[in-house]
Amino acid sequence: MTPIVSSQAWDTARRELLVKEKELTRARDALAADRRRMPRFAVDKDYVFEGPSGKIGLLDLFEGRRQLIVYRFFYEPGVMGWPDSGCTGCSMMADQVAHLSHLNARDVTYARVSRAPQANIERLKARMGWESPWYTMTDGFDADFGVDQWHGTNVFVRDGNDIFRSYFVDARGDEALGSTWSYMDLAPFGRQETWEDSPAGYPQPEPYQWWKRHDEHQSSIEPSNGGLGDNDPATESQHLGRRPLPAHGRP
């Protein structure tokens, strides 16, 4: 056990640790800024998934938004617990994902993919109380994007109907994910607030404009260009999804 000290000594120790914590926060912000400047590459295959309403393509997974985060959940024959349960680690990940309305309000869609049939997925979602979109892979999507043997999170961005892979993380890089903020730090446009170090032309309205209770987001999607308006000031609908992506690399 650690030593017992006075409240004054505890305050001193806490302030000393806070210096390191702030350094970590600034380093995390800088890393997210570098992530937003990652080059991207075009997805040129027509991947097919099975959803609750039938076969769909990768573009459909965006649900009209411009940014897409896809988590590979191991739930299929051969996984321990099949067909009653999915991978333990993937299940813990699913439990910690925040309410998706906040991501959706930032023009981000979150989805899971597995090789389990939709009937099994729907049963597991009902049992566990999960509501995130969850699709069945039918081709080589998992092998092509580094998640055929291990879990992982892929991030995509679209420009019209053109899709690009912008980021990927797996292993322990996944374990801290789940909050709205952590996913926005992976997303191509980031948190989309003025304090962020982002490339020129990225959507960056003033902070807090979009902060709402999850049942107060009234989002309307324009599938033709991925634009998003949610009854915020006009600047919000003008910012989101209506500016061209920068060229590859740093501008």
C-alpha atoms as a PDB file:
ATOM      1  CA  MET A   1       0.000   0.000   0.000  1.00  0.00           C
ATOM      2  CA  THR A   2       1.095   3.570  -0.619  1.00  0.00           C
ATOM      3  CA  PRO A   3       2.057   5.766   2.354  1.00  0.00           C
ATOM      4  CA  ILE A   4      -0.520   7.724   4.369  1.00  0.00           C
ATOM      5  CA  VAL A   5       0.105  11.482   4.245  1.00  0.00           C
ATOM      6  CA  SER A   6      -1.572  14.746   5.197  1.00  0.00           C
ATOM      7  CA  SER A   7      -4.098  16.403   2.905  1.00  0.00           C
ATOM      8  CA  GLN A   8      -1.507  19.092   2.059  1.00  0.00           C
ATOM      9  CA  ALA A   9       1.056  16.449   1.043  1.00  0.00           C
ATOM     10  CA  TRP A  10      -1.607  14.652  -0.967  1.00  0.00           C
ATOM     11  CA  ASP A  11      -2.458  17.911  -2.804  1.00  0.00           C
ATOM     12  CA  THR A  12       1.230  18.401  -3.622  1.00  0.00           C
ATOM     13  CA  ALA A  13       1.544  14.862  -4.972  1.00  0.00           C
ATOM     14  CA  ARG A  14      -1.614  15.298  -7.005  1.00  0.00           C
ATOM     15  CA  ARG A  15      -0.354  18.574  -8.554  1.00  0.00           C
ATOM     16  CA  GLU A  16       2.932  16.909  -9.480  1.00  0.00           C
ATOM     17  CA  LEU A  17       1.092  14.085 -11.186  1.00  0.00           C
ATOM     18  CA  LEU A  18      -1.237  16.549 -12.913  1.00  0.00           C
ATOM     19  CA  VAL A  19       1.738  18.015 -14.764  1.00  0.00           C
ATOM     20  CA  LYS A  20       2.404  14.605 -16.331  1.00  0.00           C
ATOM     21  CA  GLU A  21      -1.294  14.076 -17.034  1.00  0.00           C
ATOM     22  CA  LYS A  22      -1.505  17.397 -18.883  1.00  0.00           C
ATOM     23  CA  GLU A  23       1.567  16.420 -20.893  1.00  0.00           C
ATOM     24  CA  LEU A  24      -0.203  13.218 -21.870  1.00  0.00           C
ATOM     25  CA  THR A  25      -3.345  15.150 -22.861  1.00  0.00           C
ATOM     26  CA  ARG A  26      -1.336  17.507 -25.068  1.00  0.00           C
ATOM     27  CA  ALA A  27       0.562  14.580 -26.596  1.00  0.00           C
ATOM     28  CA  ARG A  28      -2.758  12.819 -27.317  1.00  0.00           C
ATOM     29  CA  ASP A  29      -4.077  15.970 -29.011  1.00  0.00           C
ATOM     30  CA  ALA A  30      -0.908  16.223 -31.095  1.00  0.00           C
ATOM     31  CA  LEU A  31      -1.202  12.571 -32.099  1.00  0.00           C
ATOM     32  CA  ALA A  32      -4.824  13.109 -33.153  1.00  0.00           C
ATOM     33  CA  ALA A  33      -3.693  16.095 -35.245  1.00  0.00           C
ATOM     34  CA  ASP A  34      -1.126  13.891 -36.997  1.00  0.00           C
ATOM     35  CA  ARG A  35      -3.826  11.273 -37.526  1.00  0.00           C
ATOM     36  CA  ARG A  36      -6.009  13.845 -39.308  1.00  0.00           C
ATOM     37  CA  ARG A  37      -3.112  14.414 -41.713  1.00  0.00           C
ATOM     38  CA  MET A  38      -2.620  10.754 -42.530  1.00  0.00           C
ATOM     39  CA  PRO A  39      -2.683  10.043 -46.282  1.00  0.00           C
ATOM     40  CA  ARG A  40      -5.616   7.981 -47.470  1.00  0.00           C
ATOM     41  CA  PHE A  41      -6.016   5.352 -50.140  1.00  0.00           C
ATOM     42  CA  ALA A  42      -8.961   4.552 -52.358  1.00  0.00           C
ATOM     43  CA  VAL A  43     -11.098   1.486 -51.722  1.00  0.00           C
ATOM     44  CA  ASP A  44     -11.623   0.109 -55.209  1.00  0.00           C
ATOM     45  CA  LYS A  45     -13.407  -3.159 -54.453  1.00  0.00           C
ATOM     46  CA  ASP A  46     -17.166  -3.557 -54.246  1.00  0.00           C
ATOM     47  CA  TYR A  47     -17.503  -5.238 -50.850  1.00  0.00           C
ATOM     48  CA  VAL A  48     -20.828  -6.848 -50.038  1.00  0.00           C
ATOM     49  CA  PHE A  49     -22.367  -7.183 -46.590  1.00  0.00           C
ATOM     50  CA  GLU A  50     -25.569  -8.694 -45.332  1.00  0.00           C
ATOM     51  CA  GLY A  51     -27.759  -6.423 -43.263  1.00  0.00           C
ATOM     52  CA  PRO A  52     -31.182  -6.753 -41.640  1.00  0.00           C
ATOM     53  CA  SER A  53     -32.794  -5.821 -44.975  1.00  0.00           C
ATOM     54  CA  GLY A  54     -30.539  -7.794 -47.287  1.00  0.00           C
ATOM     55  CA  LYS A  55     -27.313  -7.254 -49.229  1.00  0.00           C
ATOM     56  CA  ILE A  56     -25.645  -3.842 -49.162  1.00  0.00           C
ATOM     57  CA  GLY A  57     -22.301  -2.334 -50.091  1.00  0.00           C
ATOM     58  CA  LEU A  58     -19.626  -0.558 -48.061  1.00  0.00           C
ATOM     59  CA  LEU A  59     -21.019   2.801 -49.166  1.00  0.00           C
ATOM     60  CA  ASP A  60     -24.340   1.898 -47.528  1.00  0.00           C
ATOM     61  CA  LEU A  61     -22.619   1.383 -44.172  1.00  0.00           C
ATOM     62  CA  PHE A  62     -21.973   5.146 -44.062  1.00  0.00           C
ATOM     63  CA  GLU A  63     -25.746   5.729 -43.745  1.00  0.00           C
ATOM     64  CA  GLY A  64     -25.329   8.955 -45.702  1.00  0.00           C
ATOM     65  CA  ARG A  65     -22.618  10.382 -43.458  1.00  0.00           C
ATOM     66  CA  ARG A  66     -19.079  11.140 -44.617  1.00  0.00           C
ATOM     67  CA  GLN A  67     -17.102   9.247 -41.959  1.00  0.00           C
ATOM     68  CA  LEU A  68     -17.328   5.575 -41.026  1.00  0.00           C
ATOM     69  CA  ILE A  69     -15.764   3.623 -38.162  1.00  0.00           C
ATOM     70  CA  VAL A  70     -15.952  -0.175 -38.519  1.00  0.00           C
ATOM     71  CA  TYR A  71     -15.091  -2.577 -35.700  1.00  0.00           C
ATOM     72  CA  ARG A  72     -14.442  -6.227 -36.543  1.00  0.00           C
ATOM     73  CA  PHE A  73     -16.291  -8.274 -33.916  1.00  0.00           C
ATOM     74  CA  PHE A  74     -15.347 -11.963 -33.682  1.00  0.00           C
ATOM     75  CA  TYR A  75     -18.660 -13.777 -33.655  1.00  0.00           C
ATOM     76  CA  GLU A  76     -18.760 -16.798 -35.939  1.00  0.00           C
ATOM     77  CA  PRO A  77     -18.350 -20.579 -35.937  1.00  0.00           C
ATOM     78  CA  GLY A  78     -15.124 -21.503 -34.176  1.00  0.00           C
ATOM     79  CA  VAL A  79     -15.216 -18.607 -31.704  1.00  0.00           C
ATOM     80  CA  MET A  80     -15.572 -19.728 -28.096  1.00  0.00           C
ATOM     81  CA  GLY A  81     -19.217 -19.539 -27.028  1.00  0.00           C
ATOM     82  CA  TRP A  82     -20.650 -19.796 -30.536  1.00  0.00           C
ATOM     83  CA  PRO A  83     -23.536 -19.461 -31.259  1.00  0.00           C
ATOM     84  CA  ASP A  84     -24.730 -18.183 -27.886  1.00  0.00           C
ATOM     85  CA  SER A  85     -21.907 -15.701 -27.313  1.00  0.00           C
ATOM     86  CA  GLY A  86     -19.298 -13.669 -29.137  1.00  0.00           C
ATOM     87  CA  CYS A  87     -15.638 -13.137 -28.330  1.00  0.00           C
ATOM     88  CA  THR A  88     -15.230 -12.023 -24.708  1.00  0.00           C
ATOM     89  CA  GLY A  89     -12.937  -9.122 -25.535  1.00  0.00           C
ATOM     90  CA  CYS A  90     -15.122  -7.961 -28.422  1.00  0.00           C
ATOM     91  CA  SER A  91     -18.142  -8.154 -26.134  1.00  0.00           C
ATOM     92  CA  MET A  92     -16.423  -5.956 -23.559  1.00  0.00           C
ATOM     93  CA  MET A  93     -15.625  -3.502 -26.332  1.00  0.00           C
ATOM     94  CA  ALA A  94     -19.263  -3.476 -27.404  1.00  0.00           C
ATOM     95  CA  ASP A  95     -20.390  -2.796 -23.843  1.00  0.00           C
ATOM     96  CA  GLN A  96     -18.353   0.379 -23.566  1.00  0.00           C
ATOM     97  CA  VAL A  97     -19.438   2.099 -26.798  1.00  0.00           C
ATOM     98  CA  ALA A  98     -21.180   5.377 -26.002  1.00  0.00           C
ATOM     99  CA  HIS A  99     -24.560   6.484 -27.359  1.00  0.00           C
ATOM    100  CA  LEU A 100     -24.090   6.791 -31.108  1.00  0.00           C
ATOM    101  CA  SER A 101     -26.283   9.863 -31.574  1.00  0.00           C
ATOM    102  CA  HIS A 102     -23.331  12.067 -30.566  1.00  0.00           C
ATOM    103  CA  LEU A 103     -21.067  10.561 -33.226  1.00  0.00           C
ATOM    104  CA  ASN A 104     -23.854  10.755 -35.774  1.00  0.00           C
ATOM    105  CA  ALA A 105     -24.215  14.471 -35.010  1.00  0.00           C
ATOM    106  CA  ARG A 106     -20.542  14.860 -35.997  1.00  0.00           C
ATOM    107  CA  ASP A 107     -21.116  13.170 -39.367  1.00  0.00           C
ATOM    108  CA  VAL A 108     -19.685   9.849 -38.133  1.00  0.00           C
ATOM    109  CA  THR A 109     -21.282   6.407 -38.411  1.00  0.00           C
ATOM    110  CA  TYR A 110     -20.138   3.500 -36.231  1.00  0.00           C
ATOM    111  CA  ALA A 111     -20.771  -0.112 -37.238  1.00  0.00           C
ATOM    112  CA  ARG A 112     -19.642  -3.659 -36.450  1.00  0.00           C
ATOM    113  CA  VAL A 113     -18.947  -6.482 -38.865  1.00  0.00           C
ATOM    114  CA  SER A 114     -18.739 -10.237 -38.268  1.00  0.00           C
ATOM    115  CA  ARG A 115     -19.070 -13.478 -40.197  1.00  0.00           C
ATOM    116  CA  ALA A 116     -22.109 -14.597 -38.239  1.00  0.00           C
ATOM    117  CA  PRO A 117     -25.454 -14.749 -40.074  1.00  0.00           C
ATOM    118  CA  GLN A 118     -27.862 -11.895 -39.397  1.00  0.00           C
ATOM    119  CA  ALA A 119     -30.257 -14.131 -37.463  1.00  0.00           C
ATOM    120  CA  ASN A 120     -27.507 -14.917 -34.938  1.00  0.00           C
ATOM    121  CA  ILE A 121     -26.433 -11.304 -34.746  1.00  0.00           C
ATOM    122  CA  GLU A 122     -29.966 -10.123 -34.041  1.00  0.00           C
ATOM    123  CA  ARG A 123     -30.365 -12.685 -31.259  1.00  0.00           C
ATOM    124  CA  LEU A 124     -27.084 -11.669 -29.629  1.00  0.00           C
ATOM    125  CA  LYS A 125     -27.919  -7.968 -29.910  1.00  0.00           C
ATOM    126  CA  ALA A 126     -31.253  -8.584 -28.186  1.00  0.00           C
ATOM    127  CA  ARG A 127     -29.630 -10.616 -25.426  1.00  0.00           C
ATOM    128  CA  MET A 128     -26.872  -8.070 -24.739  1.00  0.00           C
ATOM    129  CA  GLY A 129     -28.901  -4.907 -25.299  1.00  0.00           C
ATOM    130  CA  TRP A 130     -26.635  -3.658 -28.087  1.00  0.00           C
ATOM    131  CA  GLU A 131     -28.115  -1.294 -30.663  1.00  0.00           C
ATOM    132  CA  SER A 132     -25.152  -0.472 -32.921  1.00  0.00           C
ATOM    133  CA  PRO A 133     -25.474  -1.364 -36.614  1.00  0.00           C
ATOM    134  CA  TRP A 134     -23.963  -4.807 -37.189  1.00  0.00           C
ATOM    135  CA  TYR A 135     -23.392  -6.438 -40.557  1.00  0.00           C
ATOM    136  CA  THR A 136     -22.339  -9.823 -41.904  1.00  0.00           C
ATOM    137  CA  MET A 137     -19.194  -9.981 -44.060  1.00  0.00           C
ATOM    138  CA  THR A 138     -19.588 -12.058 -47.199  1.00  0.00           C
ATOM    139  CA  ASP A 139     -16.210 -11.623 -48.925  1.00  0.00           C
ATOM    140  CA  GLY A 140     -12.584 -10.690 -48.233  1.00  0.00           C
ATOM    141  CA  PHE A 141     -13.215  -7.418 -46.415  1.00  0.00           C
ATOM    142  CA  ASP A 142     -11.637  -8.726 -43.189  1.00  0.00           C
ATOM    143  CA  ALA A 143      -8.480 -10.031 -44.899  1.00  0.00           C
ATOM    144  CA  ASP A 144      -8.075  -6.863 -46.968  1.00  0.00           C
ATOM    145  CA  PHE A 145      -8.294  -4.599 -43.938  1.00  0.00           C
ATOM    146  CA  GLY A 146      -6.195  -6.476 -41.388  1.00  0.00           C
ATOM    147  CA  VAL A 147      -8.945  -8.017 -39.285  1.00  0.00           C
ATOM    148  CA  ASP A 148      -9.177 -11.608 -40.481  1.00  0.00           C
ATOM    149  CA  GLN A 149      -7.108 -13.014 -37.593  1.00  0.00           C
ATOM    150  CA  TRP A 150      -7.541 -10.309 -34.960  1.00  0.00           C
ATOM    151  CA  HIS A 151      -9.999  -7.626 -33.963  1.00  0.00           C
ATOM    152  CA  GLY A 152      -9.435  -4.085 -35.161  1.00  0.00           C
ATOM    153  CA  THR A 153     -11.013  -0.732 -35.963  1.00  0.00           C
ATOM    154  CA  ASN A 154     -10.918   0.626 -39.507  1.00  0.00           C
ATOM    155  CA  VAL A 155     -11.811   4.209 -40.374  1.00  0.00           C
ATOM    156  CA  PHE A 156     -13.096   5.345 -43.745  1.00  0.00           C
ATOM    157  CA  VAL A 157     -14.087   8.643 -45.318  1.00  0.00           C
ATOM    158  CA  ARG A 158     -16.087   9.252 -48.462  1.00  0.00           C
ATOM    159  CA  ASP A 159     -16.036  12.011 -51.026  1.00  0.00           C
ATOM    160  CA  GLY A 160     -19.302  11.598 -52.860  1.00  0.00           C
ATOM    161  CA  ASN A 161     -19.390   7.897 -53.734  1.00  0.00           C
ATOM    162  CA  ASP A 162     -15.614   7.497 -53.562  1.00  0.00           C
ATOM    163  CA  ILE A 163     -14.449   5.707 -50.397  1.00  0.00           C
ATOM    164  CA  PHE A 164     -11.016   6.001 -48.781  1.00  0.00           C
ATOM    165  CA  ARG A 165      -9.375   4.217 -45.870  1.00  0.00           C
ATOM    166  CA  SER A 166      -7.987   6.841 -43.508  1.00  0.00           C
ATOM    167  CA  TYR A 167      -6.892   4.987 -40.349  1.00  0.00           C
ATOM    168  CA  PHE A 168      -6.579   1.621 -38.612  1.00  0.00           C
ATOM    169  CA  VAL A 169      -5.905   0.554 -35.025  1.00  0.00           C
ATOM    170  CA  ASP A 170      -5.891  -2.813 -33.256  1.00  0.00           C
ATOM    171  CA  ALA A 171      -4.385  -4.666 -30.267  1.00  0.00           C
ATOM    172  CA  ARG A 172      -4.115  -2.396 -27.216  1.00  0.00           C
ATOM    173  CA  GLY A 173      -4.923   0.595 -29.367  1.00  0.00           C
ATOM    174  CA  ASP A 174      -8.529  -0.559 -29.244  1.00  0.00           C
ATOM    175  CA  GLU A 175      -8.842  -0.896 -25.496  1.00  0.00           C
ATOM    176  CA  ALA A 176      -9.303   2.803 -24.740  1.00  0.00           C
ATOM    177  CA  LEU A 177     -12.006   3.249 -27.372  1.00  0.00           C
ATOM    178  CA  GLY A 178     -15.681   3.551 -26.614  1.00  0.00           C
ATOM    179  CA  SER A 179     -16.258   7.169 -25.661  1.00  0.00           C
ATOM    180  CA  THR A 180     -17.557   9.693 -28.149  1.00  0.00           C
ATOM    181  CA  TRP A 181     -14.302  11.643 -27.802  1.00  0.00           C
ATOM    182  CA  SER A 182     -12.044   8.655 -28.429  1.00  0.00           C
ATOM    183  CA  TYR A 183     -13.821   7.808 -31.668  1.00  0.00           C
ATOM    184  CA  MET A 184     -13.828  11.411 -32.879  1.00  0.00           C
ATOM    185  CA  ASP A 185     -10.056  11.498 -32.314  1.00  0.00           C
ATOM    186  CA  LEU A 186      -9.829   8.630 -34.840  1.00  0.00           C
ATOM    187  CA  ALA A 187     -12.261  10.172 -37.315  1.00  0.00           C
ATOM    188  CA  PRO A 188     -10.876  11.979 -40.369  1.00  0.00           C
ATOM    189  CA  PHE A 189     -12.343  15.355 -39.323  1.00  0.00           C
ATOM    190  CA  GLY A 190     -11.621  14.940 -35.606  1.00  0.00           C
ATOM    191  CA  ARG A 191     -13.787  16.616 -32.975  1.00  0.00           C
ATOM    192  CA  GLN A 192     -14.480  19.486 -35.382  1.00  0.00           C
ATOM    193  CA  GLU A 193     -13.927  22.328 -32.959  1.00  0.00           C
ATOM    194  CA  THR A 194     -11.900  25.509 -33.402  1.00  0.00           C
ATOM    195  CA  TRP A 195      -9.189  24.633 -30.858  1.00  0.00           C
ATOM    196  CA  GLU A 196      -8.033  21.593 -32.839  1.00  0.00           C
ATOM    197  CA  ASP A 197      -4.980  21.583 -35.074  1.00  0.00           C
ATOM    198  CA  SER A 198      -6.600  20.461 -38.323  1.00  0.00           C
ATOM    199  CA  PRO A 199      -5.802  20.968 -42.016  1.00  0.00           C
ATOM    200  CA  ALA A 200      -7.229  24.049 -43.675  1.00  0.00           C
ATOM    201  CA  GLY A 201     -10.811  23.626 -44.821  1.00  0.00           C
ATOM    202  CA  TYR A 202     -11.792  21.023 -42.227  1.00  0.00           C
ATOM    203  CA  PRO A 203     -15.122  21.648 -40.436  1.00  0.00           C
ATOM    204  CA  GLN A 204     -14.385  23.567 -37.232  1.00  0.00           C
ATOM    205  CA  PRO A 205     -17.322  25.444 -35.694  1.00  0.00           C
ATOM    206  CA  GLU A 206     -17.074  26.880 -32.207  1.00  0.00           C
ATOM    207  CA  PRO A 207     -16.863  24.381 -29.320  1.00  0.00           C
ATOM    208  CA  TYR A 208     -20.008  23.234 -27.521  1.00  0.00           C
ATOM    209  CA  GLN A 209     -22.423  24.239 -30.318  1.00  0.00           C
ATOM    210  CA  TRP A 210     -23.311  20.620 -30.985  1.00  0.00           C
ATOM    211  CA  TRP A 211     -23.291  19.345 -27.378  1.00  0.00           C
ATOM    212  CA  LYS A 212     -26.743  17.991 -26.567  1.00  0.00           C
ATOM    213  CA  ARG A 213     -28.488  15.278 -24.610  1.00  0.00           C
ATOM    214  CA  HIS A 214     -28.656  12.213 -26.809  1.00  0.00           C
ATOM    215  CA  ASP A 215     -32.411  12.477 -27.352  1.00  0.00           C
ATOM    216  CA  GLU A 216     -32.104  16.114 -28.472  1.00  0.00           C
ATOM    217  CA  HIS A 217     -30.088  15.522 -31.635  1.00  0.00           C
ATOM    218  CA  GLN A 218     -32.402  16.094 -34.591  1.00  0.00           C
ATOM    219  CA  SER A 219     -30.110  15.099 -37.452  1.00  0.00           C
ATOM    220  CA  SER A 220     -31.081  15.182 -41.082  1.00  0.00           C
ATOM    221  CA  ILE A 221     -28.730  13.553 -43.577  1.00  0.00           C
ATOM    222  CA  GLU A 222     -28.295  14.550 -47.193  1.00  0.00           C
ATOM    223  CA  PRO A 223     -27.067  11.303 -48.795  1.00  0.00           C
ATOM    224  CA  SER A 224     -26.040  13.022 -52.008  1.00  0.00           C
ATOM    225  CA  ASN A 225     -23.098  14.811 -50.403  1.00  0.00           C
ATOM    226  CA  GLY A 226     -22.990  13.575 -46.819  1.00  0.00           C
ATOM    227  CA  GLY A 227     -23.927  17.003 -45.470  1.00  0.00           C
ATOM    228  CA  LEU A 228     -25.446  17.193 -42.029  1.00  0.00           C
ATOM    229  CA  GLY A 229     -27.754  19.750 -40.480  1.00  0.00           C
ATOM    230  CA  ASP A 230     -29.150  19.314 -36.983  1.00  0.00           C
ATOM    231  CA  ASN A 231     -31.080  22.497 -36.237  1.00  0.00           C
ATOM    232  CA  ASP A 232     -27.922  24.248 -35.055  1.00  0.00           C
ATOM    233  CA  PRO A 233     -26.941  27.676 -36.409  1.00  0.00           C
ATOM    234  CA  ALA A 234     -26.482  27.929 -40.153  1.00  0.00           C
ATOM    235  CA  THR A 235     -22.712  27.754 -39.788  1.00  0.00           C
ATOM    236  CA  GLU A 236     -23.037  24.177 -38.562  1.00  0.00           C
ATOM    237  CA  SER A 237     -24.821  22.857 -41.638  1.00  0.00           C
ATOM    238  CA  GLN A 238     -22.442  24.836 -43.831  1.00  0.00           C
ATOM    239  CA  HIS A 239     -19.381  23.304 -42.189  1.00  0.00           C
ATOM    240  CA  LEU A 240     -20.201  19.631 -42.090  1.00  0.00           C
ATOM    241  CA  GLY A 241     -19.538  17.515 -45.139  1.00  0.00           C
ATOM    242  CA  ARG A 242     -19.450  20.355 -47.665  1.00  0.00           C
ATOM    243  CA  ARG A 243     -15.781  21.115 -48.052  1.00  0.00           C
ATOM    244  CA  PRO A 244     -13.375  19.108 -50.214  1.00  0.00           C
ATOM    245  CA  LEU A 245     -10.884  16.785 -48.559  1.00  0.00           C
ATOM    246  CA  PRO A 246      -7.256  17.993 -48.650  1.00  0.00           C
ATOM    247  CA  ALA A 247      -4.783  16.313 -50.966  1.00  0.00           C
ATOM    248  CA  HIS A 248      -2.734  13.372 -49.728  1.00  0.00           C
ATOM    249  CA  GLY A 249      -0.382  14.195 -46.874  1.00  0.00           C
ATOM    250  CA  ARG A 250       0.049  17.511 -45.134  1.00  0.00           C
ATOM    251  CA  PRO A 251      -1.388  20.555 -46.890  1.00  0.00           C
END
